[in-house]
Structures are given as C-alpha cells and as structure tokens.
C-alpha cells in the first residue's frame, strides 16, 4: 500500500503520535524522514523505541527519495517529517504527497516568525509552505487525531488576529 498519511511535526514521533495518530490512520509502519535524526544513531533508536508496536524506519531526505524511487511502498505507511523544507524536497524528488497533516513547529532560535504557541517558522519554512500549496498539496493543521483539520492558511490567518 502507499503512504496513507504524511505529517509534519518537528518532534517526529512522540507520545501523541505513537498512541493516537498511528492507530487513527491504520498504519503498519512509520517512516521518519529527517536528515538530523538519520545522522544521529541515538535519536534514530529513540524514535524506533517510541512506537514499539510498529516497524519504524529513519532515513535522511535524499536517502528516502532514492529508496522510494527504486522500491514501491507495500505496507500502510505513516510518513512523518521534521519540516516543510523536507516535505518540499520529497515532493520535488518524486515522492507522491498530495496532503499533509501539520502538527506544529516548536520555538527555536532560528525560527523568528510565530503565529501561535506551536507555530514558529523561518522565512524559508514559510516559503516552502507557500510552494507546497502552489503545487496543489493540501496542508491541514491538526494537532491531535480527534481534532478537526483546518487549512493551515486559515489557521495562520486566525492566529494573526
């Protein structure tokens, strides 16, 4: 089966993802795509331990694109990314993404643009969101699986006041 859900959450796999999202979407495996996590064996192992009932793979962006191009995904897959920049790179690399569930971006020194307590961006990340929308990808803001999804652009407009 193909990718059944794509989520952007800079925490990658955490309690809410492991206990709620994975069962909600019906995934049998999780693929984390993050250059930072893929380069850090400790973080990769923690991600795998965070969802012990699932097969968890951790790949860098370019590594996943190469694998995806050669091997079709056969298992129901929850794809989780650390940033909008990674999503854009995957889309341009040929990964079939048409909808993204956006969970949030935490505050960080390089993220100086904020719309809410859990929406902090660099200009480059915001530009990637605009480009993803321009390429026809629907991006919904939805923290918890039981929340109603809201178009990310609409959520940002409301947060701006």
Protein backbone atom coordinates (compact mmCIF):
# COMPACT_ATOMS: atom_id res chain seq x y z
CA UNK A 1 0.00 0.00 0.00
CA UNK A 2 1.09 3.57 -0.48
CA UNK A 3 1.72 6.27 2.06
CA UNK A 4 -1.62 6.69 3.83
CA UNK A 5 -0.73 9.76 5.87
CA UNK A 6 2.01 12.38 5.83
CA UNK A 7 2.59 14.54 8.90
CA UNK A 8 4.99 17.38 9.63
CA UNK A 9 5.92 17.60 13.29
CA UNK A 10 9.35 18.75 14.31
CA UNK A 11 9.23 16.37 17.29
CA UNK A 12 8.77 13.45 14.84
CA UNK A 13 7.46 10.52 16.90
CA UNK A 14 6.27 11.46 20.37
CA UNK A 15 3.55 10.21 22.71
CA UNK A 16 0.58 11.61 20.82
CA UNK A 17 1.84 10.26 17.50
CA UNK A 18 2.59 6.82 18.94
CA UNK A 19 -0.61 6.43 20.95
CA UNK A 20 -3.16 8.23 18.81
CA UNK A 21 -2.15 9.06 15.26
CA UNK A 22 -0.79 5.68 14.22
CA UNK A 23 -3.91 3.76 15.20
CA UNK A 24 -6.12 6.56 13.83
CA UNK A 25 -4.67 6.27 10.33
CA UNK A 26 -4.24 2.50 10.44
CA UNK A 27 -0.56 2.39 9.61
CA UNK A 28 1.56 -0.72 9.98
CA UNK A 29 4.86 1.10 9.66
CA UNK A 30 6.32 4.54 10.28
CA UNK A 31 8.92 6.18 8.11
CA UNK A 32 10.64 9.17 9.71
CA UNK A 33 12.40 11.37 7.20
CA UNK A 34 14.86 13.73 8.82
CA UNK A 35 18.49 14.37 7.95
CA UNK A 36 19.21 15.28 11.56
CA UNK A 37 17.63 12.12 13.01
CA UNK A 38 19.21 9.88 10.38
CA UNK A 39 22.68 11.21 11.25
CA UNK A 40 22.17 10.64 14.99
CA UNK A 41 22.08 6.92 15.89
CA UNK A 42 20.82 7.67 19.40
CA UNK A 43 17.90 9.75 18.12
CA UNK A 44 17.10 7.12 15.49
CA UNK A 45 17.00 4.43 18.17
CA UNK A 46 14.78 6.57 20.43
CA UNK A 47 12.37 7.11 17.54
CA UNK A 48 12.16 3.37 16.99
CA UNK A 49 11.53 2.80 20.70
CA UNK A 50 8.82 5.49 20.77
CA UNK A 51 6.48 3.30 18.73
CA UNK A 52 7.41 -0.27 19.71
CA UNK A 53 4.29 -1.83 18.18
CA UNK A 54 5.23 -0.56 14.72
CA UNK A 55 8.01 -1.04 12.22
CA UNK A 56 9.91 2.26 12.31
CA UNK A 57 12.47 3.35 9.73
CA UNK A 58 14.57 6.50 9.90
CA UNK A 59 16.02 7.96 6.71
CA UNK A 60 17.64 11.16 5.55
CA UNK A 61 15.71 13.03 2.85
CA UNK A 62 17.92 12.12 -0.12
CA UNK A 63 18.27 8.55 1.13
CA UNK A 64 14.49 8.12 1.29
CA UNK A 65 13.99 9.61 -2.18
CA UNK A 66 16.44 7.07 -3.65
CA UNK A 67 14.76 4.19 -1.82
CA UNK A 68 11.29 5.39 -2.82
CA UNK A 69 12.23 5.65 -6.49
CA UNK A 70 13.51 2.05 -6.56
CA UNK A 71 11.12 0.29 -4.18
CA UNK A 72 7.38 0.91 -4.10
CA UNK A 73 5.98 1.07 -0.59
CA UNK A 74 3.89 -2.03 0.08
CA UNK A 75 2.88 -1.53 3.71
CA UNK A 76 0.42 1.01 5.03
CA UNK A 77 2.81 3.82 5.90
CA UNK A 78 2.67 6.85 8.16
CA UNK A 79 5.29 9.25 6.82
CA UNK A 80 6.49 11.79 9.35
CA UNK A 81 8.77 14.69 8.50
CA UNK A 82 10.60 17.24 10.61
CA UNK A 83 9.93 20.30 8.45
CA UNK A 84 8.16 21.83 5.49
CA UNK A 85 11.54 22.02 3.78
CA UNK A 86 11.82 18.22 3.93
CA UNK A 87 8.30 17.89 2.51
CA UNK A 88 9.18 20.12 -0.42
CA UNK A 89 12.39 18.19 -1.10
CA UNK A 90 10.46 14.90 -1.07
CA UNK A 91 7.79 16.26 -3.43
CA UNK A 92 10.46 17.51 -5.84
CA UNK A 93 12.20 14.14 -5.54
CA UNK A 94 9.12 12.35 -6.84
CA UNK A 95 7.53 11.17 -3.60
CA UNK A 96 3.76 11.04 -4.03
CA UNK A 97 2.43 13.53 -1.49
CA UNK A 98 -0.90 15.25 -2.05
CA UNK A 99 -1.99 16.02 1.52
CA UNK A 100 -0.04 16.91 4.65
CA UNK A 101 -1.19 16.90 8.22
CA UNK A 102 0.68 19.68 10.00
CA UNK A 103 1.23 19.20 13.72
CA UNK A 104 3.38 22.12 14.68
CA UNK A 105 6.82 23.63 14.84
CA UNK A 106 8.40 24.47 18.15
CA UNK A 107 10.23 27.62 19.03
CA UNK A 108 13.90 27.64 18.08
CA UNK A 109 16.50 30.42 17.81
CA UNK A 110 16.38 30.36 14.01
CA UNK A 111 12.57 30.47 13.94
CA UNK A 112 11.65 34.10 14.40
CA UNK A 113 8.19 34.20 12.80
CA UNK A 114 5.35 32.99 15.01
CA UNK A 115 1.58 32.78 14.69
CA UNK A 116 0.74 30.75 17.79
CA UNK A 117 2.45 28.91 20.62
CA UNK A 118 3.15 25.95 18.35
CA UNK A 119 3.71 27.67 15.01
CA UNK A 120 7.22 29.06 14.72
CA UNK A 121 8.90 29.38 11.33
CA UNK A 122 11.91 30.62 9.46
CA UNK A 123 11.14 32.58 6.29
CA UNK A 124 12.47 29.64 4.30
CA UNK A 125 9.97 27.29 6.00
CA UNK A 126 7.10 29.67 5.23
CA UNK A 127 8.26 29.93 1.62
CA UNK A 128 8.22 26.11 1.43
CA UNK A 129 4.62 26.09 2.70
CA UNK A 130 3.62 28.58 0.01
CA UNK A 131 5.33 26.47 -2.63
CA UNK A 132 3.66 23.26 -1.40
CA UNK A 133 0.26 24.95 -1.60
CA UNK A 134 1.12 26.31 -5.06
CA UNK A 135 1.94 22.75 -6.17
CA UNK A 136 -1.52 21.61 -5.15
CA UNK A 137 -0.74 19.99 -1.82
CA UNK A 138 -3.42 20.39 0.83
CA UNK A 139 -1.91 21.19 4.23
CA UNK A 140 -4.18 20.85 7.23
CA UNK A 141 -3.29 21.96 10.74
CA UNK A 142 -4.36 19.28 13.21
CA UNK A 143 -2.57 18.69 16.48
CA UNK A 144 -4.48 15.66 17.73
CA UNK A 145 -6.14 12.91 15.72
CA UNK A 146 -9.52 13.75 17.27
CA UNK A 147 -9.26 17.47 16.34
CA UNK A 148 -10.95 18.73 13.20
CA UNK A 149 -8.44 19.60 10.48
CA UNK A 150 -8.16 23.25 9.47
CA UNK A 151 -6.50 24.53 6.32
CA UNK A 152 -3.09 25.76 7.54
CA UNK A 153 -3.50 29.08 5.72
CA UNK A 154 -6.82 29.65 7.50
CA UNK A 155 -5.31 28.70 10.86
CA UNK A 156 -2.47 31.18 10.35
CA UNK A 157 -4.93 33.93 9.35
CA UNK A 158 -6.94 33.35 12.54
CA UNK A 159 -3.78 33.25 14.66
CA UNK A 160 -2.64 36.58 13.21
CA UNK A 161 -5.86 38.11 14.54
